[in-house]
Amino acid sequence: MSESRLGEFEEIILLLVGILGEEAYAYKIEEEFAQQTKKSSTIGAIHSTLNRLEKKGFLDSHMGEPSARRGGRRKRIYIITALGQRILRESRDLRQSLWNQFPGFAGN
């Protein structure tokens, strides 16, 4: 596995960025997190995790277009980098390998 590891929350946020595509901005990620996990988070926790993932090189971001709906403000859109995709694959493969060795769960 890569030297840069993902915590569970980081992994979920990274996966949600991939799921949301061009809609991967902090508020939408927070909504999707609540829907997918049935747990709540704060926008601050989402922002700090996105910043950390970007510093690790797992995400890139760019500013979207201003919208009247947002009072002319722009939102930061996140995308997964090649390194981010690789770390997700490594994490998935490790977990799958461990689950396959777990008696009673192997092959399920």
C-alpha atoms as a PDB file:
ATOM      1  CA  MET A   1       0.000   0.000   0.000  1.00  0.00           C
ATOM      2  CA  SER A   2       1.135   3.550  -0.626  1.00  0.00           C
ATOM      3  CA  GLU A   3       2.861   5.505   2.135  1.00  0.00           C
ATOM      4  CA  SER A   4      -0.020   7.966   2.119  1.00  0.00           C
ATOM      5  CA  ARG A   5      -2.923   6.257   3.792  1.00  0.00           C
ATOM      6  CA  LEU A   6      -6.553   7.249   3.891  1.00  0.00           C
ATOM      7  CA  GLY A   7      -8.641   7.446   7.010  1.00  0.00           C
ATOM      8  CA  GLU A   8     -12.200   6.145   6.734  1.00  0.00           C
ATOM      9  CA  PHE A   9     -13.719   9.635   6.494  1.00  0.00           C
ATOM     10  CA  GLU A  10     -11.131  10.678   3.896  1.00  0.00           C
ATOM     11  CA  GLU A  11     -11.848   7.569   1.851  1.00  0.00           C
ATOM     12  CA  ILE A  12     -15.586   8.234   1.873  1.00  0.00           C
ATOM     13  CA  ILE A  13     -15.097  11.880   0.882  1.00  0.00           C
ATOM     14  CA  LEU A  14     -12.752  10.864  -1.941  1.00  0.00           C
ATOM     15  CA  LEU A  15     -15.294   8.309  -3.185  1.00  0.00           C
ATOM     16  CA  LEU A  16     -18.075  10.901  -3.045  1.00  0.00           C
ATOM     17  CA  VAL A  17     -16.006  13.312  -5.143  1.00  0.00           C
ATOM     18  CA  GLY A  18     -15.777  10.571  -7.771  1.00  0.00           C
ATOM     19  CA  ILE A  19     -19.489   9.823  -7.581  1.00  0.00           C
ATOM     20  CA  LEU A  20     -20.531  13.476  -7.849  1.00  0.00           C
ATOM     21  CA  GLY A  21     -18.233  14.404 -10.747  1.00  0.00           C
ATOM     22  CA  GLU A  22     -18.731  18.063 -11.765  1.00  0.00           C
ATOM     23  CA  GLU A  23     -21.134  18.475  -8.831  1.00  0.00           C
ATOM     24  CA  ALA A  24     -18.358  17.722  -6.317  1.00  0.00           C
ATOM     25  CA  TYR A  25     -18.339  20.896  -4.249  1.00  0.00           C
ATOM     26  CA  ALA A  26     -18.352  21.069  -0.442  1.00  0.00           C
ATOM     27  CA  TYR A  27     -22.056  21.619   0.200  1.00  0.00           C
ATOM     28  CA  LYS A  28     -23.113  18.904  -2.263  1.00  0.00           C
ATOM     29  CA  ILE A  29     -20.520  16.517  -0.779  1.00  0.00           C
ATOM     30  CA  GLU A  30     -21.950  17.200   2.698  1.00  0.00           C
ATOM     31  CA  GLU A  31     -25.474  16.399   1.440  1.00  0.00           C
ATOM     32  CA  GLU A  32     -24.328  13.237  -0.331  1.00  0.00           C
ATOM     33  CA  PHE A  33     -22.378  12.119   2.750  1.00  0.00           C
ATOM     34  CA  ALA A  34     -25.527  12.369   4.880  1.00  0.00           C
ATOM     35  CA  GLN A  35     -27.614  10.536   2.280  1.00  0.00           C
ATOM     36  CA  GLN A  36     -25.124   7.717   1.685  1.00  0.00           C
ATOM     37  CA  THR A  37     -23.985   7.130   5.286  1.00  0.00           C
ATOM     38  CA  LYS A  38     -27.124   8.136   7.205  1.00  0.00           C
ATOM     39  CA  LYS A  39     -24.775  10.227   9.386  1.00  0.00           C
ATOM     40  CA  SER A  40     -24.268  13.951   9.591  1.00  0.00           C
ATOM     41  CA  SER A  41     -21.086  15.936   9.227  1.00  0.00           C
ATOM     42  CA  THR A  42     -20.227  19.605   9.345  1.00  0.00           C
ATOM     43  CA  ILE A  43     -19.270  21.764   6.413  1.00  0.00           C
ATOM     44  CA  GLY A  44     -16.069  22.583   8.330  1.00  0.00           C
ATOM     45  CA  ALA A  45     -15.112  18.903   8.542  1.00  0.00           C
ATOM     46  CA  ILE A  46     -15.821  18.507   4.829  1.00  0.00           C
ATOM     47  CA  HIS A  47     -13.722  21.573   3.931  1.00  0.00           C
ATOM     48  CA  SER A  48     -10.758  20.543   6.089  1.00  0.00           C
ATOM     49  CA  THR A  49     -10.836  17.017   4.648  1.00  0.00           C
ATOM     50  CA  LEU A  50     -11.016  18.307   1.071  1.00  0.00           C
ATOM     51  CA  ASN A  51      -8.067  20.631   1.775  1.00  0.00           C
ATOM     52  CA  ARG A  52      -6.066  17.769   3.317  1.00  0.00           C
ATOM     53  CA  LEU A  53      -6.803  15.468   0.365  1.00  0.00           C
ATOM     54  CA  GLU A  54      -5.753  18.208  -2.027  1.00  0.00           C
ATOM     55  CA  LYS A  55      -2.478  18.740  -0.127  1.00  0.00           C
ATOM     56  CA  LYS A  56      -1.807  14.991  -0.292  1.00  0.00           C
ATOM     57  CA  GLY A  57      -2.243  15.176  -4.072  1.00  0.00           C
ATOM     58  CA  PHE A  58      -5.386  13.013  -4.147  1.00  0.00           C
ATOM     59  CA  LEU A  59      -7.611  15.870  -5.349  1.00  0.00           C
ATOM     60  CA  ASP A  60      -7.363  18.909  -7.585  1.00  0.00           C
ATOM     61  CA  SER A  61      -9.846  21.752  -7.618  1.00  0.00           C
ATOM     62  CA  HIS A  62     -10.956  24.651  -9.754  1.00  0.00           C
ATOM     63  CA  MET A  63     -13.417  27.471  -9.359  1.00  0.00           C
ATOM     64  CA  GLY A  64     -16.756  26.998 -11.088  1.00  0.00           C
ATOM     65  CA  GLU A  65     -18.656  29.745 -12.858  1.00  0.00           C
ATOM     66  CA  PRO A  66     -20.449  32.423 -10.799  1.00  0.00           C
ATOM     67  CA  SER A  67     -24.176  31.895 -10.493  1.00  0.00           C
ATOM     68  CA  ALA A  68     -27.013  34.279  -9.710  1.00  0.00           C
ATOM     69  CA  ARG A  69     -28.423  31.621  -7.412  1.00  0.00           C
ATOM     70  CA  ARG A  70     -25.288  31.941  -5.270  1.00  0.00           C
ATOM     71  CA  GLY A  71     -25.329  35.745  -5.351  1.00  0.00           C
ATOM     72  CA  GLY A  72     -22.673  35.830  -8.071  1.00  0.00           C
ATOM     73  CA  ARG A  73     -20.279  33.693  -6.046  1.00  0.00           C
ATOM     74  CA  ARG A  74     -18.344  30.797  -7.482  1.00  0.00           C
ATOM     75  CA  LYS A  75     -17.972  27.366  -5.925  1.00  0.00           C
ATOM     76  CA  ARG A  76     -14.831  25.246  -5.747  1.00  0.00           C
ATOM     77  CA  ILE A  77     -15.215  21.997  -7.719  1.00  0.00           C
ATOM     78  CA  TYR A  78     -13.040  19.011  -6.762  1.00  0.00           C
ATOM     79  CA  ILE A  79     -11.784  16.214  -9.002  1.00  0.00           C
ATOM     80  CA  ILE A  80      -9.825  13.064  -8.174  1.00  0.00           C
ATOM     81  CA  THR A  81      -6.248  12.947  -9.442  1.00  0.00           C
ATOM     82  CA  ALA A  82      -4.557   9.851 -10.870  1.00  0.00           C
ATOM     83  CA  LEU A  83      -2.830   9.453  -7.487  1.00  0.00           C
ATOM     84  CA  GLY A  84      -6.211   9.678  -5.746  1.00  0.00           C
ATOM     85  CA  GLN A  85      -7.611   6.981  -8.022  1.00  0.00           C
ATOM     86  CA  ARG A  86      -4.599   4.784  -7.322  1.00  0.00           C
ATOM     87  CA  ILE A  87      -4.896   5.167  -3.543  1.00  0.00           C
ATOM     88  CA  LEU A  88      -8.614   4.292  -3.723  1.00  0.00           C
ATOM     89  CA  ARG A  89      -7.846   1.143  -5.735  1.00  0.00           C
ATOM     90  CA  GLU A  90      -5.144   0.147  -3.247  1.00  0.00           C
ATOM     91  CA  SER A  91      -7.512   0.700  -0.334  1.00  0.00           C
ATOM     92  CA  ARG A  92     -10.290  -1.307  -2.021  1.00  0.00           C
ATOM     93  CA  ASP A  93      -7.913  -4.148  -2.915  1.00  0.00           C
ATOM     94  CA  LEU A  94      -6.526  -4.368   0.624  1.00  0.00           C
ATOM     95  CA  ARG A  95     -10.001  -4.421   2.173  1.00  0.00           C
ATOM     96  CA  GLN A  96     -11.233  -6.998  -0.339  1.00  0.00           C
ATOM     97  CA  SER A  97      -8.229  -9.222   0.361  1.00  0.00           C
ATOM     98  CA  LEU A  98      -8.895  -9.042   4.090  1.00  0.00           C
ATOM     99  CA  TRP A  99     -12.636  -9.721   3.677  1.00  0.00           C
ATOM    100  CA  ASN A 100     -11.831 -12.724   1.475  1.00  0.00           C
ATOM    101  CA  GLN A 101      -9.753 -14.183   4.310  1.00  0.00           C
ATOM    102  CA  PHE A 102     -12.420 -13.601   6.970  1.00  0.00           C
ATOM    103  CA  PRO A 103     -14.142 -16.950   7.742  1.00  0.00           C
ATOM    104  CA  GLY A 104     -17.854 -16.749   7.115  1.00  0.00           C
ATOM    105  CA  PHE A 105     -17.493 -13.725   4.840  1.00  0.00           C
ATOM    106  CA  ALA A 106     -15.133 -15.065   2.172  1.00  0.00           C
ATOM    107  CA  GLY A 107     -16.703 -14.846  -1.265  1.00  0.00           C
ATOM    108  CA  ASN A 108     -19.676 -12.792  -0.036  1.00  0.00           C
END
